């Protein structure tokens, strides 16, 4: 990837997080989330945005993610205004579940350790 694309990915990540937390007023966004990474293609046509949602309630997490996905047109307009670039990519949001997966693995390992210690 070029240096320019890396810089744009970083800027998109920062602006997306800022706009989603400060400007998007969707009542479905109730859970804490993080924009982990943004990956633009070299033509700046599309960008994958990896989002992690921190929640114990799967329904509210799903609603938060849906609201984030549905705010994509608004996000593009706001980024276009703030960054002053000719072409803002279409963002496709991907739910990153690696944190939940890691937490599940930790729970399993703790259970194994408990049973080993009891024997």
N, C-alpha and C. Protein backbone atom coordinates (compact mmCIF):
# COMPACT_ATOMS: atom_id res chain seq x y z
N UNK A 1 0.83 -1.19 0.00
CA UNK A 1 0.00 0.00 0.00
C UNK A 1 0.87 1.25 0.00
N UNK A 2 0.39 2.25 -0.64
CA UNK A 2 1.17 3.48 -0.71
C UNK A 2 1.06 4.25 0.59
N UNK A 3 1.99 5.16 0.75
CA UNK A 3 2.00 6.01 1.94
C UNK A 3 0.74 6.87 2.01
N UNK A 4 0.30 7.35 0.85
CA UNK A 4 -0.91 8.18 0.80
C UNK A 4 -2.13 7.39 1.28
N UNK A 5 -2.28 6.16 0.82
CA UNK A 5 -3.42 5.32 1.23
C UNK A 5 -3.35 5.07 2.73
N UNK A 6 -2.16 4.80 3.26
CA UNK A 6 -2.02 4.58 4.70
C UNK A 6 -2.44 5.81 5.50
N UNK A 7 -2.04 6.98 5.01
CA UNK A 7 -2.43 8.23 5.69
C UNK A 7 -3.93 8.43 5.63
N UNK A 8 -4.52 8.17 4.46
CA UNK A 8 -5.97 8.32 4.32
C UNK A 8 -6.71 7.33 5.21
N UNK A 9 -6.23 6.09 5.29
CA UNK A 9 -6.85 5.11 6.17
C UNK A 9 -6.87 5.61 7.61
N UNK A 10 -5.75 6.16 8.03
CA UNK A 10 -5.64 6.69 9.39
C UNK A 10 -6.60 7.86 9.61
N UNK A 11 -6.67 8.76 8.63
CA UNK A 11 -7.57 9.92 8.73
C UNK A 11 -9.03 9.48 8.73
N UNK A 12 -9.37 8.55 7.85
CA UNK A 12 -10.75 8.05 7.81
C UNK A 12 -11.13 7.43 9.15
N UNK A 13 -10.23 6.66 9.71
CA UNK A 13 -10.48 6.01 11.01
C UNK A 13 -10.78 7.06 12.07
N UNK A 14 -9.96 8.10 12.12
CA UNK A 14 -10.12 9.15 13.12
C UNK A 14 -11.44 9.91 12.92
N UNK A 15 -11.72 10.31 11.67
CA UNK A 15 -12.95 11.05 11.39
C UNK A 15 -14.20 10.20 11.62
N UNK A 16 -14.17 8.94 11.20
CA UNK A 16 -15.34 8.08 11.41
C UNK A 16 -15.65 7.95 12.89
N UNK A 17 -14.64 7.71 13.70
CA UNK A 17 -14.86 7.57 15.14
C UNK A 17 -15.42 8.87 15.73
N UNK A 18 -14.85 9.98 15.32
CA UNK A 18 -15.28 11.28 15.83
C UNK A 18 -16.73 11.59 15.44
N UNK A 19 -17.06 11.38 14.18
CA UNK A 19 -18.41 11.69 13.70
C UNK A 19 -19.43 10.75 14.35
N UNK A 20 -19.10 9.48 14.44
CA UNK A 20 -20.04 8.53 15.03
C UNK A 20 -20.30 8.82 16.50
N UNK A 21 -19.28 9.25 17.22
CA UNK A 21 -19.48 9.49 18.66
C UNK A 21 -20.07 10.87 18.94
N UNK A 22 -19.78 11.86 18.10
CA UNK A 22 -20.20 13.22 18.42
C UNK A 22 -21.37 13.75 17.60
N UNK A 23 -21.55 13.26 16.38
CA UNK A 23 -22.55 13.86 15.50
C UNK A 23 -23.73 12.97 15.16
N UNK A 24 -23.52 11.67 15.10
CA UNK A 24 -24.62 10.76 14.77
C UNK A 24 -25.49 10.60 16.01
N UNK A 25 -26.75 10.96 15.88
CA UNK A 25 -27.66 10.94 17.02
C UNK A 25 -28.69 9.82 16.91
N UNK A 26 -28.26 8.66 16.50
CA UNK A 26 -29.17 7.52 16.37
C UNK A 26 -29.37 6.87 17.74
N UNK A 27 -30.61 6.76 18.21
CA UNK A 27 -30.85 6.20 19.54
C UNK A 27 -30.50 4.71 19.65
N UNK A 28 -30.29 4.05 18.52
CA UNK A 28 -29.92 2.63 18.55
C UNK A 28 -28.45 2.44 18.93
N UNK A 29 -27.65 3.50 18.83
CA UNK A 29 -26.23 3.38 19.21
C UNK A 29 -26.15 3.56 20.72
N UNK A 30 -26.26 2.44 21.41
CA UNK A 30 -26.27 2.45 22.87
C UNK A 30 -25.01 1.82 23.46
N UNK A 31 -24.29 1.06 22.65
CA UNK A 31 -23.14 0.32 23.16
C UNK A 31 -21.83 1.02 22.79
N UNK A 32 -20.82 0.74 23.57
CA UNK A 32 -19.50 1.30 23.29
C UNK A 32 -18.89 0.56 22.09
N UNK A 33 -18.22 1.29 21.23
CA UNK A 33 -17.62 0.68 20.05
C UNK A 33 -16.29 1.35 19.74
N UNK A 34 -15.52 0.67 18.91
CA UNK A 34 -14.23 1.19 18.45
C UNK A 34 -14.08 0.91 16.97
N UNK A 35 -13.56 1.89 16.25
CA UNK A 35 -13.17 1.67 14.86
C UNK A 35 -11.75 1.12 14.93
N UNK A 36 -11.58 -0.13 14.59
CA UNK A 36 -10.27 -0.76 14.71
C UNK A 36 -9.34 -0.45 13.55
N UNK A 37 -9.92 -0.45 12.35
CA UNK A 37 -9.07 -0.32 11.17
C UNK A 37 -9.92 0.10 9.97
N UNK A 38 -9.31 0.82 9.05
CA UNK A 38 -9.94 1.16 7.78
C UNK A 38 -8.96 0.76 6.68
N UNK A 39 -9.48 0.04 5.68
CA UNK A 39 -8.65 -0.39 4.55
C UNK A 39 -9.29 0.05 3.24
N UNK A 40 -8.69 1.08 2.63
CA UNK A 40 -9.18 1.58 1.33
C UNK A 40 -8.50 0.80 0.20
N UNK A 41 -9.24 0.67 -0.90
CA UNK A 41 -8.57 0.16 -2.09
C UNK A 41 -7.79 1.31 -2.73
N UNK A 42 -6.92 0.99 -3.67
CA UNK A 42 -6.04 2.04 -4.19
C UNK A 42 -6.75 3.07 -5.06
N UNK A 43 -7.96 2.75 -5.56
CA UNK A 43 -8.72 3.72 -6.35
C UNK A 43 -9.60 4.62 -5.46
N UNK A 44 -9.62 4.37 -4.18
CA UNK A 44 -10.48 5.07 -3.21
C UNK A 44 -11.97 4.91 -3.55
N UNK A 45 -12.32 3.77 -4.10
CA UNK A 45 -13.73 3.50 -4.42
C UNK A 45 -14.44 2.91 -3.21
N UNK A 46 -13.77 2.00 -2.54
CA UNK A 46 -14.38 1.34 -1.37
C UNK A 46 -13.38 1.27 -0.23
N UNK A 47 -13.92 1.16 0.97
CA UNK A 47 -13.08 1.00 2.15
C UNK A 47 -13.80 0.09 3.14
N UNK A 48 -13.10 -0.89 3.63
CA UNK A 48 -13.64 -1.76 4.68
C UNK A 48 -13.31 -1.12 6.03
N UNK A 49 -14.34 -1.03 6.86
CA UNK A 49 -14.18 -0.43 8.18
C UNK A 49 -14.48 -1.51 9.21
N UNK A 50 -13.48 -1.85 10.00
CA UNK A 50 -13.64 -2.89 11.02
C UNK A 50 -14.03 -2.26 12.34
N UNK A 51 -15.17 -2.71 12.86
CA UNK A 51 -15.76 -2.15 14.07
C UNK A 51 -15.85 -3.24 15.13
N UNK A 52 -15.46 -2.89 16.33
CA UNK A 52 -15.62 -3.79 17.47
C UNK A 52 -16.62 -3.15 18.43
N UNK A 53 -17.60 -3.95 18.86
CA UNK A 53 -18.62 -3.44 19.78
C UNK A 53 -18.49 -4.17 21.10
N UNK A 54 -18.40 -3.39 22.17
CA UNK A 54 -18.23 -3.94 23.51
C UNK A 54 -19.59 -3.99 24.19
N UNK A 55 -20.15 -5.18 24.32
CA UNK A 55 -21.46 -5.31 24.93
C UNK A 55 -21.69 -6.74 25.39
N UNK A 56 -22.43 -6.88 26.47
CA UNK A 56 -22.84 -8.22 26.91
C UNK A 56 -24.22 -8.55 26.36
N UNK A 57 -24.91 -7.55 25.83
CA UNK A 57 -26.25 -7.75 25.29
C UNK A 57 -26.15 -7.84 23.76
N UNK A 58 -26.37 -9.03 23.22
CA UNK A 58 -26.19 -9.23 21.78
C UNK A 58 -27.20 -8.45 20.95
N UNK A 59 -28.42 -8.28 21.46
CA UNK A 59 -29.43 -7.52 20.71
C UNK A 59 -29.04 -6.05 20.58
N UNK A 60 -28.60 -5.46 21.69
CA UNK A 60 -28.20 -4.05 21.64
C UNK A 60 -26.94 -3.87 20.81
N UNK A 61 -26.03 -4.83 20.87
CA UNK A 61 -24.82 -4.77 20.03
C UNK A 61 -25.20 -4.83 18.56
N UNK A 62 -26.13 -5.70 18.21
CA UNK A 62 -26.57 -5.81 16.82
C UNK A 62 -27.26 -4.53 16.36
N UNK A 63 -28.06 -3.91 17.22
CA UNK A 63 -28.73 -2.66 16.88
C UNK A 63 -27.72 -1.52 16.69
N UNK A 64 -26.71 -1.50 17.56
CA UNK A 64 -25.65 -0.50 17.43
C UNK A 64 -24.94 -0.64 16.10
N UNK A 65 -24.58 -1.88 15.75
CA UNK A 65 -23.88 -2.12 14.49
C UNK A 65 -24.76 -1.74 13.30
N UNK A 66 -26.04 -2.08 13.35
CA UNK A 66 -26.96 -1.74 12.27
C UNK A 66 -27.06 -0.22 12.10
N UNK A 67 -27.15 0.49 13.20
CA UNK A 67 -27.22 1.96 13.14
C UNK A 67 -25.95 2.54 12.54
N UNK A 68 -24.81 1.98 12.90
CA UNK A 68 -23.53 2.45 12.32
C UNK A 68 -23.53 2.21 10.82
N UNK A 69 -23.93 1.01 10.40
CA UNK A 69 -23.97 0.71 8.96
C UNK A 69 -24.91 1.63 8.21
N UNK A 70 -26.07 1.91 8.79
CA UNK A 70 -27.06 2.74 8.11
C UNK A 70 -26.69 4.22 8.08
N UNK A 71 -25.71 4.62 8.87
CA UNK A 71 -25.28 6.02 8.87
C UNK A 71 -24.21 6.30 7.81
N UNK A 72 -23.90 5.30 6.99
CA UNK A 72 -22.83 5.43 5.99
C UNK A 72 -22.98 6.63 5.06
N UNK A 73 -24.15 6.90 4.47
CA UNK A 73 -24.26 8.08 3.59
C UNK A 73 -23.95 9.39 4.33
N UNK A 74 -24.44 9.51 5.54
CA UNK A 74 -24.16 10.71 6.35
C UNK A 74 -22.67 10.82 6.64
N UNK A 75 -22.05 9.71 6.98
CA UNK A 75 -20.61 9.71 7.28
C UNK A 75 -19.80 10.16 6.07
N UNK A 76 -20.16 9.68 4.90
CA UNK A 76 -19.44 10.08 3.68
C UNK A 76 -19.56 11.59 3.44
N UNK A 77 -20.78 12.13 3.62
CA UNK A 77 -20.97 13.57 3.41
C UNK A 77 -20.13 14.38 4.40
N UNK A 78 -20.16 13.98 5.67
CA UNK A 78 -19.41 14.70 6.69
C UNK A 78 -17.91 14.63 6.45
N UNK A 79 -17.42 13.47 6.07
CA UNK A 79 -15.99 13.32 5.80
C UNK A 79 -15.60 14.15 4.59
N UNK A 80 -16.45 14.18 3.59
CA UNK A 80 -16.17 15.00 2.41
C UNK A 80 -16.04 16.47 2.78
N UNK A 81 -16.92 16.95 3.67
CA UNK A 81 -16.85 18.35 4.12
C UNK A 81 -15.59 18.62 4.91
N UNK A 82 -15.22 17.70 5.80
CA UNK A 82 -14.12 17.94 6.72
C UNK A 82 -12.75 17.73 6.09
N UNK A 83 -12.63 16.74 5.22
CA UNK A 83 -11.31 16.40 4.67
C UNK A 83 -10.98 17.13 3.38
N UNK A 84 -11.99 17.64 2.70
CA UNK A 84 -11.78 18.36 1.44
C UNK A 84 -11.02 17.52 0.41
N UNK A 85 -11.46 16.28 0.25
CA UNK A 85 -10.87 15.45 -0.81
C UNK A 85 -11.92 15.21 -1.88
N UNK A 86 -11.45 14.99 -3.08
CA UNK A 86 -12.37 14.84 -4.21
C UNK A 86 -13.26 13.62 -4.09
N UNK A 87 -12.67 12.51 -3.68
CA UNK A 87 -13.40 11.25 -3.69
C UNK A 87 -13.35 10.60 -2.31
N UNK A 88 -14.52 10.39 -1.72
CA UNK A 88 -14.62 9.67 -0.45
C UNK A 88 -15.14 8.28 -0.79
N UNK A 89 -14.47 7.24 -0.34
CA UNK A 89 -14.89 5.88 -0.69
C UNK A 89 -16.23 5.51 -0.05
N UNK A 90 -16.85 4.50 -0.61
CA UNK A 90 -18.03 3.91 0.03
C UNK A 90 -17.50 3.02 1.15
N UNK A 91 -18.03 3.22 2.34
CA UNK A 91 -17.58 2.44 3.49
C UNK A 91 -18.46 1.21 3.66
N UNK A 92 -17.83 0.07 3.81
CA UNK A 92 -18.58 -1.13 4.17
C UNK A 92 -18.08 -1.56 5.54
N UNK A 93 -19.01 -1.62 6.47
CA UNK A 93 -18.66 -1.89 7.86
C UNK A 93 -18.65 -3.38 8.12
N UNK A 94 -17.60 -3.83 8.78
CA UNK A 94 -17.43 -5.24 9.12
C UNK A 94 -17.34 -5.34 10.64
N UNK A 95 -18.10 -6.27 11.19
CA UNK A 95 -18.07 -6.46 12.63
C UNK A 95 -16.89 -7.34 12.98
N UNK A 96 -16.02 -6.83 13.81
CA UNK A 96 -14.85 -7.58 14.26
C UNK A 96 -15.21 -8.29 15.56
N UNK A 97 -15.17 -9.60 15.53
CA UNK A 97 -15.56 -10.38 16.71
C UNK A 97 -14.36 -11.01 17.40
N UNK A 98 -13.17 -10.59 17.06
CA UNK A 98 -11.98 -11.22 17.63
C UNK A 98 -11.88 -11.01 19.14
N UNK A 99 -12.36 -9.86 19.64
CA UNK A 99 -12.31 -9.62 21.09
C UNK A 99 -13.24 -10.59 21.82
N UNK A 100 -14.44 -10.78 21.30
CA UNK A 100 -15.38 -11.72 21.91
C UNK A 100 -14.85 -13.14 21.84
N UNK A 101 -14.23 -13.47 20.72
CA UNK A 101 -13.64 -14.79 20.55
C UNK A 101 -12.52 -15.00 21.57
N UNK A 102 -11.67 -14.00 21.73
CA UNK A 102 -10.58 -14.08 22.71
C UNK A 102 -11.10 -14.22 24.13
N UNK A 103 -12.18 -13.51 24.43
CA UNK A 103 -12.77 -13.58 25.76
C UNK A 103 -13.33 -14.99 26.00
N UNK A 104 -13.95 -15.58 24.99
CA UNK A 104 -14.50 -16.94 25.11
C UNK A 104 -13.37 -17.93 25.34
N UNK A 105 -12.28 -17.79 24.64
CA UNK A 105 -11.12 -18.67 24.82
C UNK A 105 -10.59 -18.54 26.25
N UNK A 106 -10.49 -17.30 26.76
CA UNK A 106 -10.04 -17.09 28.14
C UNK A 106 -10.95 -17.80 29.14
N UNK A 107 -12.27 -17.70 28.91
CA UNK A 107 -13.22 -18.37 29.81
C UNK A 107 -13.02 -19.87 29.79
N UNK A 108 -12.82 -20.44 28.62
CA UNK A 108 -12.61 -21.89 28.49
C UNK A 108 -11.32 -22.29 29.21
N UNK A 109 -10.25 -21.52 29.00
CA UNK A 109 -8.98 -21.83 29.66
C UNK A 109 -9.10 -21.72 31.18
N UNK A 110 -9.84 -20.73 31.67
CA UNK A 110 -10.05 -20.60 33.12
C UNK A 110 -10.81 -21.79 33.67
N UNK A 111 -11.81 -22.28 32.94
CA UNK A 111 -12.55 -23.47 33.37
C UNK A 111 -11.64 -24.69 33.43
N UNK A 112 -10.79 -24.83 32.42
CA UNK A 112 -9.86 -25.96 32.40
C UNK A 112 -8.91 -25.87 33.58
N UNK A 113 -8.40 -24.67 33.87
CA UNK A 113 -7.49 -24.48 35.01
C UNK A 113 -8.19 -24.81 36.32
N UNK A 114 -9.46 -24.43 36.46
CA UNK A 114 -10.20 -24.72 37.69
C UNK A 114 -10.35 -26.21 37.90
N UNK A 115 -10.69 -26.94 36.83
CA UNK A 115 -10.88 -28.39 36.97
C UNK A 115 -9.54 -29.08 37.24
N UNK A 116 -8.45 -28.58 36.63
CA UNK A 116 -7.12 -29.16 36.89
C UNK A 116 -6.69 -28.93 38.34
N UNK A 117 -6.99 -27.76 38.87
CA UNK A 117 -6.61 -27.43 40.25
C UNK A 117 -7.43 -28.21 41.27
N UNK A 118 -8.65 -28.60 40.90
CA UNK A 118 -9.50 -29.36 41.82
C UNK A 118 -9.13 -30.83 41.85
N UNK A 119 -8.40 -31.31 40.87
CA UNK A 119 -8.04 -32.74 40.83
C UNK A 119 -6.74 -33.02 41.48
